[in-house]
Protein backbone atom coordinates (compact mmCIF):
# COMPACT_ATOMS: atom_id res chain seq x y z
CA MET A 1 16.06 -5.48 -4.16
CA THR A 2 14.64 -4.38 -7.50
CA ASP A 3 16.62 -2.72 -10.44
CA SER A 4 14.07 -0.01 -9.95
CA ILE A 5 15.30 0.93 -6.81
CA GLN A 6 18.86 0.37 -7.08
CA ASP A 7 19.17 2.51 -9.91
CA LEU A 8 17.84 5.42 -7.67
CA LEU A 9 19.79 5.11 -4.92
CA PRO A 10 22.81 7.84 -4.58
CA PRO A 11 26.23 6.10 -5.18
CA GLY A 12 27.12 6.24 -1.29
CA VAL A 13 23.43 4.63 -0.40
CA LYS A 14 23.91 1.94 -3.10
CA SER A 15 27.35 0.87 -2.07
CA ILE A 16 26.01 0.51 1.42
CA VAL A 17 22.67 -1.45 0.37
CA SER A 18 25.08 -3.70 -1.80
CA LYS A 19 27.11 -4.77 1.50
CA LEU A 20 24.25 -5.98 3.70
CA PRO A 21 23.76 -9.36 4.69
CA PRO A 22 21.16 -11.40 2.25
CA GLU A 23 19.10 -12.17 5.49
CA VAL A 24 19.06 -8.13 5.52
CA THR A 25 18.14 -7.45 2.17
CA ALA A 26 15.60 -10.20 1.52
CA ARG A 27 13.65 -8.39 4.58
CA LEU A 28 14.23 -4.79 3.70
CA GLU A 29 11.09 -2.78 4.21
CA GLU A 30 12.11 0.73 4.04
CA ILE A 31 15.28 2.85 3.42
CA ARG A 32 15.14 6.13 4.91
CA ILE A 33 17.30 8.90 3.34
CA ARG A 34 17.64 12.23 5.58
CA GLU A 35 19.82 14.96 4.54
CA GLY A 36 22.72 15.53 7.13
CA ARG A 37 21.18 12.92 9.27
CA PRO A 38 21.77 9.07 9.46
CA LEU A 39 20.82 6.66 7.01
CA GLU A 40 18.01 4.12 8.37
CA LEU A 41 16.95 0.85 7.09
CA VAL A 42 13.54 -0.68 8.15
CA TYR A 43 13.76 -4.78 8.11
CA GLY A 44 11.59 -7.41 9.46
CA GLY A 45 10.01 -4.86 12.01
CA GLN A 46 13.41 -3.90 13.03
CA HIS A 47 15.64 -0.79 12.24
CA ALA A 48 19.25 -0.08 12.24
CA PHE A 49 21.33 2.53 11.15
CA PRO A 50 24.21 1.25 8.63
CA ASP A 51 27.91 2.82 8.35
CA ALA A 52 29.57 3.28 4.95
CA ALA A 53 30.59 -0.32 5.16
CA GLY A 54 27.32 -1.77 5.55
CA ARG A 55 27.65 -2.52 9.46
CA PHE A 56 25.04 -1.58 11.53
CA ALA A 57 26.37 1.19 13.75
CA ALA A 58 26.01 1.29 17.93
CA ALA A 59 24.87 4.81 17.69
CA PRO A 60 23.03 6.75 14.71
CA ALA A 61 26.13 9.22 15.07
CA ASP A 62 28.13 6.74 13.92
CA ALA A 63 25.89 5.77 10.91
CA TYR A 64 26.23 7.00 7.26
CA HIS A 65 24.87 10.75 6.52
CA PRO A 66 23.63 11.21 3.27
CA GLY A 67 24.66 14.79 1.97
CA HIS A 68 23.04 17.37 0.01
CA GLU A 69 23.92 16.17 -3.36
CA GLU A 70 22.91 12.75 -2.73
CA CYS A 71 19.38 14.32 -2.06
CA VAL A 72 19.25 16.34 -4.97
CA ARG A 73 20.30 13.81 -7.15
CA LEU A 74 17.71 11.46 -5.79
CA LEU A 75 14.84 13.79 -6.25
CA ASP A 76 16.43 14.54 -9.74
CA LEU A 77 15.96 10.83 -10.70
CA LEU A 78 12.59 10.41 -9.26
CA THR A 79 11.11 13.06 -11.25
CA LYS A 80 13.42 12.24 -14.41
CA HIS A 81 15.04 15.51 -14.49
CA SER A 82 11.75 17.43 -14.22
CA LEU A 83 10.46 18.73 -11.08
CA TYR A 84 7.46 20.52 -13.06
CA SER A 85 5.95 17.34 -14.58
CA TYR A 86 6.06 15.65 -10.92
CA GLU A 87 4.03 18.81 -9.48
CA GLU A 88 1.08 16.71 -8.49
CA GLU A 89 2.75 13.90 -7.04
CA LEU A 90 5.12 16.43 -4.88
CA LYS A 91 1.88 18.10 -3.56
CA ARG A 92 0.97 14.72 -2.36
CA GLY A 93 3.90 13.93 -0.70
CA TYR A 94 5.11 10.76 -2.69
CA ILE A 95 6.16 9.35 -5.82
CA THR A 96 5.22 5.70 -7.06
CA ILE A 97 8.15 4.09 -8.91
CA ALA A 98 7.64 0.86 -11.44
CA GLY A 99 7.08 -2.18 -8.80
CA GLY A 100 4.97 -0.40 -6.85
CA HIS A 101 7.39 0.93 -4.58
CA ARG A 102 6.16 4.28 -2.94
CA ILE A 103 8.74 6.93 -2.26
CA GLY A 104 7.40 9.40 0.49
CA LEU A 105 8.81 12.92 0.81
CA ALA A 106 9.23 15.71 3.38
CA GLY A 107 10.78 19.05 3.26
CA ARG A 108 9.51 22.64 2.79
CA VAL A 109 5.71 23.19 1.66
CA LEU A 110 5.15 26.10 -0.25
CA LEU A 111 1.43 27.20 0.03
CA GLU A 112 -0.92 29.28 -2.23
CA GLY A 113 -4.35 30.43 -1.12
CA GLY A 114 -3.43 28.55 2.21
CA LYS A 115 -3.37 25.13 0.53
CA VAL A 116 -0.24 23.11 -0.18
CA LYS A 117 1.02 24.03 -4.05
CA LEU A 118 4.36 22.52 -4.08
CA LEU A 119 6.77 20.37 -1.78
CA LYS A 120 10.24 22.08 -2.02
CA ASP A 121 13.68 21.46 -0.83
CA VAL A 122 13.09 17.95 -0.25
CA ALA A 123 15.41 16.48 2.58
CA SER A 124 13.54 13.25 3.69
CA PHE A 125 12.64 10.27 1.59
CA ASN A 126 11.29 7.19 2.59
CA ILE A 127 11.84 4.44 -0.06
CA ARG A 128 9.15 1.83 0.52
CA VAL A 129 9.74 -1.34 -0.74
CA ALA A 130 7.15 -3.30 -2.42
CA ARG A 131 6.63 -7.28 -2.80
CA GLN A 132 4.05 -9.82 -3.82
CA VAL A 133 3.24 -12.48 -1.26
CA LYS A 134 1.39 -14.82 -2.91
CA GLY A 135 -1.01 -16.97 -0.62
CA CYS A 136 -1.45 -14.15 2.03
CA GLY A 137 -4.76 -14.23 1.46
CA SER A 138 -5.55 -17.92 1.50
CA SER A 139 -6.55 -18.15 5.00
CA VAL A 140 -8.68 -14.66 4.84
CA LEU A 141 -10.88 -15.36 1.85
CA PRO A 142 -13.08 -18.52 3.18
CA LEU A 143 -13.86 -16.10 5.92
CA LEU A 144 -15.08 -13.25 3.44
CA MET A 145 -17.39 -15.65 1.49
CA ASP A 146 -21.29 -14.78 1.12
CA ARG A 147 -22.03 -18.25 0.32
CA PRO A 148 -25.77 -17.77 -0.52
CA GLU A 149 -24.92 -15.24 -2.90
CA LYS A 150 -21.86 -17.08 -4.48
CA THR A 151 -19.34 -13.83 -3.92
CA VAL A 152 -17.44 -12.28 -1.24
CA HIS A 153 -18.99 -10.02 1.54
CA HIS A 154 -18.88 -6.15 1.56
CA THR A 155 -15.25 -5.75 3.47
CA LEU A 156 -13.13 -3.28 4.98
CA VAL A 157 -9.44 -4.11 5.70
CA LEU A 158 -8.23 -2.21 8.48
CA SER A 159 -4.83 -1.42 10.50
CA PRO A 160 -2.17 1.22 11.15
CA PRO A 161 0.33 1.80 8.45
CA GLN A 162 2.72 -0.90 7.45
CA GLN A 163 0.59 -3.60 8.75
CA GLY A 164 0.42 -5.56 5.44
CA LYS A 165 -3.11 -3.90 3.69
CA THR A 166 -2.21 -3.47 0.32
CA THR A 167 -0.39 -6.68 0.13
CA LEU A 168 -3.45 -8.62 1.30
CA ILE A 169 -5.84 -6.81 -1.10
CA ARG A 170 -3.25 -7.62 -3.75
CA ASP A 171 -3.57 -11.36 -3.31
CA LEU A 172 -7.58 -10.91 -2.54
CA ALA A 173 -7.85 -9.79 -6.05
CA ARG A 174 -5.70 -12.44 -7.61
CA LEU A 175 -7.49 -15.39 -5.50
CA ILE A 176 -11.04 -14.09 -6.62
CA SER A 177 -9.81 -13.23 -10.23
CA GLU A 178 -8.24 -16.80 -10.48
CA GLY A 179 -10.98 -18.53 -8.62
CA THR A 180 -11.06 -21.07 -5.66
CA ARG A 181 -12.95 -23.73 -4.11
CA GLU A 182 -15.37 -20.93 -2.77
CA LEU A 183 -15.78 -19.13 -6.06
CA PRO A 184 -15.32 -21.64 -8.50
CA GLY A 185 -14.55 -19.86 -12.01
CA GLY A 186 -13.28 -16.37 -10.27
CA ARG A 187 -15.26 -13.38 -10.48
CA LYS A 188 -14.73 -10.39 -12.79
CA VAL A 189 -12.33 -7.89 -10.49
CA GLY A 190 -12.07 -4.18 -10.71
CA VAL A 191 -9.23 -2.33 -9.19
CA VAL A 192 -8.79 1.28 -8.82
CA ASP A 193 -5.05 1.93 -8.07
CA GLU A 194 -4.86 5.82 -7.51
CA ARG A 195 -1.28 5.34 -5.94
CA SER A 196 -0.02 2.92 -8.70
CA GLU A 197 0.67 0.65 -5.66
CA ILE A 198 -1.50 -2.60 -6.03
CA ALA A 199 -0.95 -3.67 -9.67
CA ALA A 200 2.60 -1.64 -10.23
CA CYS A 201 1.12 -1.11 -13.72
CA VAL A 202 3.82 0.02 -16.45
CA ARG A 203 2.02 1.78 -19.03
CA GLY A 204 -1.18 0.47 -18.17
CA VAL A 205 -0.28 -3.13 -17.43
CA PRO A 206 -0.05 -4.73 -14.25
CA THR A 207 3.55 -5.96 -12.95
CA PHE A 208 2.16 -7.63 -10.12
CA ASP A 209 0.23 -10.82 -10.41
CA LEU A 210 -3.98 -9.88 -10.07
CA GLY A 211 -5.35 -12.84 -11.57
CA PRO A 212 -6.78 -13.38 -15.08
CA ARG A 213 -9.97 -11.33 -14.87
CA THR A 214 -8.97 -8.30 -12.96
CA ASP A 215 -9.09 -4.86 -14.81
CA VAL A 216 -7.06 -2.03 -13.40
CA LEU A 217 -7.52 1.79 -13.35
CA ASP A 218 -4.08 2.93 -13.11
CA GLY A 219 -3.51 6.29 -11.31
CA CYS A 220 -6.84 7.43 -11.27
CA PRO A 221 -8.56 9.19 -8.16
CA LYS A 222 -10.65 6.50 -6.21
CA ALA A 223 -13.94 8.24 -6.14
CA GLU A 224 -13.78 8.99 -9.94
CA GLY A 225 -12.23 5.63 -10.70
CA MET A 226 -14.90 3.76 -9.03
CA MET A 227 -17.59 5.07 -10.97
CA MET A 228 -15.70 4.91 -14.35
CA MET A 229 -15.00 1.40 -13.85
CA ILE A 230 -18.59 0.44 -12.89
CA ARG A 231 -19.86 2.15 -16.26
CA SER A 232 -17.02 0.91 -18.17
CA MET A 233 -15.65 -2.75 -17.02
CA SER A 234 -18.95 -4.02 -15.08
CA PRO A 235 -16.56 -5.61 -12.25
CA GLU A 236 -18.21 -8.19 -10.00
CA VAL A 237 -16.17 -7.35 -7.00
CA LEU A 238 -14.21 -3.94 -6.76
CA ILE A 239 -11.10 -3.45 -4.39
CA VAL A 240 -9.64 0.14 -3.72
CA ASP A 241 -7.03 1.13 -1.09
CA GLU A 242 -6.90 3.54 1.57
CA ILE A 243 -10.67 5.13 1.74
CA GLY A 244 -10.41 8.80 3.21
CA THR A 245 -12.45 11.27 1.78
CA LEU A 246 -16.04 11.65 1.89
CA GLN A 247 -15.94 11.47 -1.98
CA ASP A 248 -14.43 7.84 -1.68
CA ALA A 249 -17.21 7.03 0.98
CA GLU A 250 -19.66 8.30 -1.74
CA ALA A 251 -18.42 6.39 -4.69
CA VAL A 252 -18.35 3.17 -2.42
CA TRP A 253 -22.09 3.84 -1.40
CA GLU A 254 -22.65 4.07 -5.07
CA ALA A 255 -21.08 0.96 -5.93
CA MET A 256 -22.48 -1.06 -3.47
CA ASN A 257 -25.99 -0.16 -4.51
CA ALA A 258 -24.79 -1.04 -7.95
CA GLY A 259 -24.96 -4.65 -6.72
CA ILE A 260 -20.86 -4.72 -6.59
CA ARG A 261 -19.22 -6.18 -3.63
CA ILE A 262 -16.13 -3.91 -2.34
CA ILE A 263 -13.17 -4.62 -0.47
CA ALA A 264 -11.29 -1.57 0.76
CA THR A 265 -8.60 -0.59 3.14
CA ALA A 266 -8.64 1.89 5.44
CA HIS A 267 -5.89 3.24 8.43
CA GLY A 268 -7.17 2.80 12.05
CA ARG A 269 -6.20 0.66 14.68
CA ASP A 270 -9.73 -0.36 15.60
CA LEU A 271 -13.55 0.84 14.56
CA THR A 272 -13.41 3.14 17.02
CA GLU A 273 -10.64 5.01 15.42
CA ALA A 274 -12.18 4.30 12.04
CA ALA A 275 -15.80 5.58 12.99
CA GLY A 276 -13.65 8.96 13.91
CA ARG A 277 -13.23 9.77 10.39
CA PRO A 278 -16.08 11.40 8.47
CA ALA A 279 -15.64 9.34 5.43
CA LEU A 280 -15.61 5.96 6.93
CA ARG A 281 -18.23 6.94 9.98
CA ARG A 282 -21.39 7.16 7.59
CA LEU A 283 -20.54 3.55 5.72
CA LEU A 284 -20.04 2.15 9.27
CA GLN A 285 -23.05 3.48 10.91
CA GLU A 286 -25.56 2.12 8.05
CA GLY A 287 -23.64 -1.05 8.35
CA ILE A 288 -22.40 -1.22 4.72
CA PHE A 289 -19.40 -3.37 5.57
CA THR A 290 -20.55 -6.81 6.86
CA ARG A 291 -17.03 -8.07 7.39
CA LEU A 292 -13.75 -6.61 9.04
CA VAL A 293 -10.25 -7.47 8.46
CA GLN A 294 -8.12 -6.57 11.18
CA LEU A 295 -4.26 -6.69 10.61
CA GLY A 296 -1.45 -6.53 13.61
CA ARG A 297 1.94 -6.88 13.66
CA ASP A 298 4.66 -7.67 16.82
CA GLY A 299 8.30 -7.53 14.81
CA GLU A 300 8.13 -10.12 12.10
CA ARG A 301 4.99 -11.87 13.45
CA PHE A 302 2.07 -10.94 11.44
CA GLU A 303 -1.84 -11.45 12.79
CA THR A 304 -5.04 -11.46 10.73
CA ARG A 305 -8.33 -11.16 12.56
CA VAL A 306 -11.55 -11.66 10.52
CA ARG A 307 -14.70 -10.55 12.48
CA GLU A 308 -18.57 -9.91 11.40
CA LEU A 309 -19.02 -5.92 11.91
CA ALA A 310 -21.60 -6.89 14.65
CA GLY A 311 -18.72 -8.11 16.67
CA GLN A 312 -18.89 -11.72 16.48
CA ARG A 313 -15.44 -13.42 15.93
CA LEU A 314 -15.32 -15.84 13.10
CA ARG A 315 -12.29 -17.15 13.95
CA GLN A 316 -8.57 -16.19 14.02
CA ALA A 317 -6.44 -16.81 10.35
CA ARG A 318 -2.63 -16.33 10.67
CA ALA A 319 -0.46 -15.41 7.75
CA PRO A 320 1.48 -18.12 6.45
CA ASP A 321 4.91 -18.60 7.72
CA GLY A 322 7.63 -16.30 6.20
CA ARG A 323 5.00 -13.59 4.88
CA GLU A 324 6.46 -10.18 4.78
CA ALA A 325 3.69 -8.29 3.99
CA ARG A 326 3.82 -4.66 4.10
CA PRO A 327 1.75 -1.45 2.68
CA CYS A 328 3.62 -1.23 -0.73
């Protein structure tokens, strides 16, 4: 558990987390705090409701129930005592803290003109624990190689939430930047990190290792950031997380036509689900991506499948033992 998370936790929750067995703490993925409702922990693909002594309760009703004051304190610390300065983050429903940990928020929404103006009376927090897992992309990268061009294929990484997309592309950025047997000398990598999760920058400097030839635009909207990166840093490979809007798709199209290889992630169980989203439909219909990486999970067992988008299976690449990948 990192200091950036520990320092945020309300005293009651912090005390419980400190009493957890090391094997749970090491695999902790989420801490879900809901006002007046049971504290929930997600670890290693499992979930549990701990009591005040840090023991897992037999029933949710027996677990520790965070109160109103604890939730107020947590939100105050998250926003550094200024809700106004975090208005944009509250509107989006999450805040990213040092270390790339994302805290999802839920509560009462205020509307203006039919659109979300602010999230108020926050009563649910999902603290998602980010970790760097070096090597989790080692078995995947060789399957993404465009060997005649000595670079990588345009690649879409697809999975439901919390299957390891961000962790994988973080390691791919590092490997492509450092260089491998398939990519001697490495390539110039640009990362557009809208949610500050891939690189976990502090004052613009990545705290995760993304390799020696990687440049990061932190906290920048993807569509605008991709164009800025192309104009300013001349990347050979551009990496972005969670393509979701038509503007994102247009920027991907522009980057590809500028001779830059793209690695992007999106939510979805399969191509049918992905193609149901307007932002991805055009890119998929026009055959822009030539490699598909699908991530799956069964408890603590992760599975990675790499395919040509024409449907031919290349082979299955399994994540290294002990990998605790998660979308950070």
